[in-house]
Amino acid sequence: MKRTVLTISIVFFTLILFALGVSAVLANKPSEAERFEIFIKTEGLIKKLGLTGEQIEKLKTAVNNSYFPHGRDGKPGGDPPAEEAFKMDDEFRAEIYKILTPEQKKQVQTYKFQLDGGLDANSLYATKLEVFDLTAEQTQKLRNIEVERSGKYQELLKGIDFKKLSEEERKTVSEKNRSSMKEIATEYNAKMKAVLTPEQLELGKKLTEEGKGLREAVGLKAGH
């Protein structure tokens, strides 16, 4: 699991670097649609959730109508400002939760938290912690930390024009800055965990342990 998480982190790190190069990112995070798409493309997760054909079609429409800051077929990349990104993510989640049953909603929240390592993930995000039934105050604090962390990333990579770099050059930059990026991630993961209550942290540790091997169990490979 640790190797899988590391590989995912490196891949996502490269995506962040590219996104930072093409726009003035404030949110600096994958959208909820990007995170959710795995649930309707992975047979193992579809089976675990018990999604019907009708649900899958409705969920596909919701995903296709959302935004993809790292780009996809037919949609340009580029992150919106933080508050706009958070608003669009809230709207997307509200839409898909109308399609899912209450039990499926809770499963999605749990699996989303577990798929890349739970509390051991390279970078924590408020929407990955919603499994803890966050208060409005906690959610806002976590979002503020996300924006602050994004500023640190941007400061580190200031002046680098990723649009002009080849894929190999991006990998080189990624390797060069990996240690500093890891330090930032570690610092801000600690800040985010500090927002959680002892009970939420205990639940997080339990779910993290239970989630080990989940990717393999549903047929996902490292980097997917």
Protein backbone atom coordinates (compact mmCIF):
# COMPACT_ATOMS: atom_id res chain seq x y z
CA MET A 1 0.00 0.00 0.00
CA LYS A 2 2.83 2.40 0.86
CA ARG A 3 4.41 1.89 -2.55
CA THR A 4 1.03 2.49 -4.22
CA VAL A 5 0.49 5.69 -2.24
CA LEU A 6 3.98 6.93 -3.11
CA THR A 7 3.45 6.28 -6.82
CA ILE A 8 0.09 8.06 -6.77
CA SER A 9 1.67 10.98 -4.90
CA ILE A 10 4.43 11.35 -7.50
CA VAL A 11 1.95 11.26 -10.37
CA PHE A 12 -0.33 13.80 -8.69
CA PHE A 13 2.68 15.95 -7.77
CA THR A 14 3.56 16.17 -11.48
CA LEU A 15 -0.03 17.16 -12.28
CA ILE A 16 0.12 19.91 -9.67
CA LEU A 17 3.34 21.24 -11.13
CA PHE A 18 1.82 21.44 -14.58
CA ALA A 19 -1.36 23.07 -13.31
CA LEU A 20 0.62 25.67 -11.42
CA GLY A 21 2.44 26.51 -14.62
CA VAL A 22 -0.66 27.20 -16.67
CA SER A 23 -2.72 29.29 -14.28
CA ALA A 24 -2.61 31.36 -11.11
CA VAL A 25 -3.87 28.59 -8.89
CA LEU A 26 -5.28 29.26 -5.48
CA ALA A 27 -7.20 26.06 -4.79
CA ASN A 28 -4.44 23.85 -6.23
CA LYS A 29 -6.30 20.57 -5.89
CA PRO A 30 -8.06 18.00 -8.04
CA SER A 31 -11.76 18.69 -8.44
CA GLU A 32 -14.40 16.49 -6.87
CA ALA A 33 -15.34 15.29 -10.37
CA GLU A 34 -11.74 14.17 -10.95
CA ARG A 35 -11.77 12.31 -7.64
CA PHE A 36 -15.21 10.81 -8.17
CA GLU A 37 -14.77 9.54 -11.73
CA ILE A 38 -12.92 6.47 -10.43
CA PHE A 39 -16.17 5.26 -8.83
CA ILE A 40 -17.96 4.93 -12.16
CA LYS A 41 -14.97 3.58 -14.11
CA THR A 42 -13.80 0.84 -11.74
CA GLU A 43 -15.82 -2.37 -11.80
CA GLY A 44 -14.75 -3.32 -8.28
CA LEU A 45 -16.00 -0.01 -6.85
CA ILE A 46 -19.22 -0.17 -8.88
CA LYS A 47 -19.90 -3.59 -7.35
CA LYS A 48 -18.99 -2.47 -3.82
CA LEU A 49 -21.38 0.49 -4.13
CA GLY A 50 -24.07 -1.54 -5.87
CA LEU A 51 -24.59 1.15 -8.50
CA THR A 52 -27.40 0.57 -10.99
CA GLY A 53 -27.09 1.27 -14.70
CA GLU A 54 -29.42 4.26 -14.31
CA GLN A 55 -27.32 5.67 -11.47
CA ILE A 56 -24.12 5.27 -13.47
CA GLU A 57 -25.54 7.17 -16.44
CA LYS A 58 -26.73 10.03 -14.20
CA LEU A 59 -23.38 10.14 -12.41
CA LYS A 60 -21.52 10.21 -15.73
CA THR A 61 -23.57 13.22 -16.77
CA ALA A 62 -22.79 14.99 -13.49
CA VAL A 63 -19.07 14.29 -13.94
CA ASN A 64 -19.05 15.46 -17.55
CA ASN A 65 -20.78 18.70 -16.60
CA SER A 66 -18.25 19.50 -13.89
CA TYR A 67 -14.75 20.99 -14.18
CA PHE A 68 -11.36 19.31 -14.53
CA PRO A 69 -8.47 21.58 -13.48
CA HIS A 70 -5.92 19.12 -14.83
CA GLY A 71 -7.69 18.86 -18.18
CA ARG A 72 -9.47 16.05 -20.02
CA ASP A 73 -10.81 15.37 -23.50
CA GLY A 74 -12.83 18.34 -24.66
CA LYS A 75 -12.07 20.44 -21.60
CA PRO A 76 -9.10 22.77 -21.09
CA GLY A 77 -7.04 22.53 -17.91
CA GLY A 78 -6.52 25.33 -15.44
CA ASP A 79 -7.65 25.79 -11.84
CA PRO A 80 -10.20 28.45 -10.87
CA PRO A 81 -9.67 30.64 -7.79
CA ALA A 82 -10.13 28.79 -4.50
CA GLU A 83 -13.58 30.03 -3.51
CA GLU A 84 -14.95 29.33 -6.98
CA ALA A 85 -13.41 25.84 -6.93
CA PHE A 86 -14.88 25.08 -3.51
CA LYS A 87 -18.31 26.30 -4.67
CA MET A 88 -18.24 24.10 -7.79
CA ASP A 89 -17.11 21.11 -5.74
CA ASP A 90 -19.98 21.68 -3.27
CA GLU A 91 -22.45 21.84 -6.16
CA PHE A 92 -21.04 18.66 -7.69
CA ARG A 93 -21.23 16.72 -4.43
CA ALA A 94 -24.79 17.92 -3.80
CA GLU A 95 -25.77 16.67 -7.27
CA ILE A 96 -24.22 13.22 -6.97
CA TYR A 97 -25.52 12.72 -3.44
CA LYS A 98 -29.05 13.15 -4.80
CA ILE A 99 -28.34 10.21 -7.12
CA LEU A 100 -26.77 7.96 -4.47
CA THR A 101 -28.58 6.31 -1.59
CA PRO A 102 -27.60 7.41 1.95
CA GLU A 103 -25.58 4.19 2.36
CA GLN A 104 -23.82 4.69 -1.00
CA LYS A 105 -23.01 8.27 -0.02
CA LYS A 106 -21.32 7.11 3.18
CA GLN A 107 -19.44 4.41 1.26
CA VAL A 108 -18.16 6.96 -1.27
CA GLN A 109 -16.97 9.23 1.55
CA THR A 110 -15.19 6.30 3.21
CA TYR A 111 -13.58 4.91 0.05
CA LYS A 112 -12.51 8.37 -1.11
CA PHE A 113 -10.69 8.77 2.20
CA GLN A 114 -9.13 5.31 2.05
CA LEU A 115 -8.10 4.92 -1.60
CA ASP A 116 -4.80 6.77 -1.35
CA GLY A 117 -3.93 6.07 2.25
CA GLY A 118 -6.39 7.80 4.58
CA LEU A 119 -4.56 9.82 7.23
CA ASP A 120 -1.28 8.56 5.76
CA ALA A 121 -1.99 10.20 2.38
CA ASN A 122 0.60 12.54 0.88
CA SER A 123 -1.83 15.48 0.97
CA LEU A 124 -5.07 15.74 2.94
CA TYR A 125 -8.03 17.74 1.64
CA ALA A 126 -11.21 18.89 3.36
CA THR A 127 -13.39 16.90 0.98
CA LYS A 128 -11.46 13.71 1.73
CA LEU A 129 -12.17 14.26 5.44
CA GLU A 130 -15.94 14.70 5.10
CA VAL A 131 -16.35 11.08 6.22
CA PHE A 132 -15.94 12.52 9.75
CA ASP A 133 -19.13 14.60 9.52
CA LEU A 134 -17.19 17.85 9.74
CA THR A 135 -18.80 20.93 11.23
CA ALA A 136 -19.09 24.06 9.09
CA GLU A 137 -16.34 25.63 11.20
CA GLN A 138 -14.01 22.68 10.67
CA THR A 139 -14.68 22.67 6.93
CA GLN A 140 -13.82 26.34 6.62
CA LYS A 141 -10.64 25.96 8.67
CA LEU A 142 -9.53 23.05 6.50
CA ARG A 143 -10.24 24.99 3.31
CA ASN A 144 -8.23 27.94 4.61
CA ILE A 145 -5.32 25.59 5.26
CA GLU A 146 -5.61 24.23 1.70
CA VAL A 147 -5.32 27.76 0.27
CA GLU A 148 -2.36 28.55 2.53
CA ARG A 149 -0.64 25.34 1.44
CA SER A 150 -1.26 26.21 -2.21
CA GLY A 151 0.51 29.52 -1.69
CA LYS A 152 3.54 27.65 -0.36
CA TYR A 153 3.59 25.44 -3.45
CA GLN A 154 3.33 28.44 -5.74
CA GLU A 155 6.09 30.28 -3.91
CA LEU A 156 8.34 27.25 -4.31
CA LEU A 157 7.68 27.01 -8.06
CA LYS A 158 7.53 30.71 -8.84
CA GLY A 159 9.00 31.65 -12.22
CA ILE A 160 8.82 28.16 -13.75
CA ASP A 161 6.89 28.11 -17.04
CA PHE A 162 5.71 24.52 -17.33
CA LYS A 163 4.02 25.20 -20.66
CA LYS A 164 7.48 25.45 -22.21
CA LEU A 165 8.88 22.30 -20.60
CA SER A 166 8.91 18.84 -22.12
CA GLU A 167 7.50 15.92 -20.16
CA GLU A 168 11.03 14.84 -19.29
CA GLU A 169 11.92 18.35 -18.07
CA ARG A 170 8.80 18.40 -15.89
CA LYS A 171 9.89 15.12 -14.32
CA THR A 172 13.30 16.61 -13.64
CA VAL A 173 11.75 19.63 -11.92
CA SER A 174 9.48 17.27 -9.99
CA GLU A 175 12.44 15.27 -8.72
CA LYS A 176 14.37 18.41 -7.82
CA ASN A 177 11.53 19.81 -5.73
CA ARG A 178 10.19 16.57 -4.30
CA SER A 179 11.85 17.00 -0.90
CA SER A 180 10.55 20.56 -0.45
CA MET A 181 7.07 19.56 -1.62
CA LYS A 182 7.08 16.69 0.85
CA GLU A 183 8.03 19.05 3.68
CA ILE A 184 5.14 21.36 2.77
CA ALA A 185 2.73 18.43 2.58
CA THR A 186 3.88 17.09 5.96
CA GLU A 187 3.54 20.51 7.59
CA TYR A 188 0.04 21.11 6.27
CA ASN A 189 -1.18 17.57 6.86
CA ALA A 190 -0.31 18.16 10.54
CA LYS A 191 -2.26 21.45 10.50
CA MET A 192 -5.29 19.71 9.01
CA LYS A 193 -5.18 16.86 11.52
CA ALA A 194 -5.07 19.46 14.30
CA VAL A 195 -8.53 20.64 13.20
CA LEU A 196 -10.02 17.20 13.85
CA THR A 197 -11.32 16.10 17.23
CA PRO A 198 -9.69 13.17 19.08
CA GLU A 199 -12.72 11.04 18.20
CA GLN A 200 -12.41 11.93 14.50
CA LEU A 201 -8.70 11.15 14.54
CA GLU A 202 -9.36 7.79 16.18
CA LEU A 203 -11.95 6.97 13.52
CA GLY A 204 -9.48 8.14 10.88
CA LYS A 205 -6.81 5.74 12.14
CA LYS A 206 -9.35 2.89 12.13
CA LEU A 207 -10.53 3.63 8.58
CA THR A 208 -6.94 4.07 7.38
CA GLU A 209 -6.02 0.62 8.66
CA GLU A 210 -9.19 -0.95 7.25
CA GLY A 211 -8.52 0.68 3.86
CA LYS A 212 -5.12 -0.95 3.35
CA GLY A 213 -5.31 -3.11 0.26
CA LEU A 214 -8.56 -1.50 -0.93
CA ARG A 215 -7.10 -0.41 -4.28
CA GLU A 216 -5.91 -3.92 -5.06
CA ALA A 217 -9.22 -5.39 -3.86
CA VAL A 218 -11.22 -3.33 -6.37
CA GLY A 219 -8.79 -3.94 -9.23
CA LEU A 220 -6.80 -0.69 -9.19
CA LYS A 221 -3.07 -0.54 -9.83
CA ALA A 222 -0.48 1.97 -8.65
CA GLY A 223 -0.87 5.33 -10.38
CA HIS A 224 -4.50 4.75 -11.39
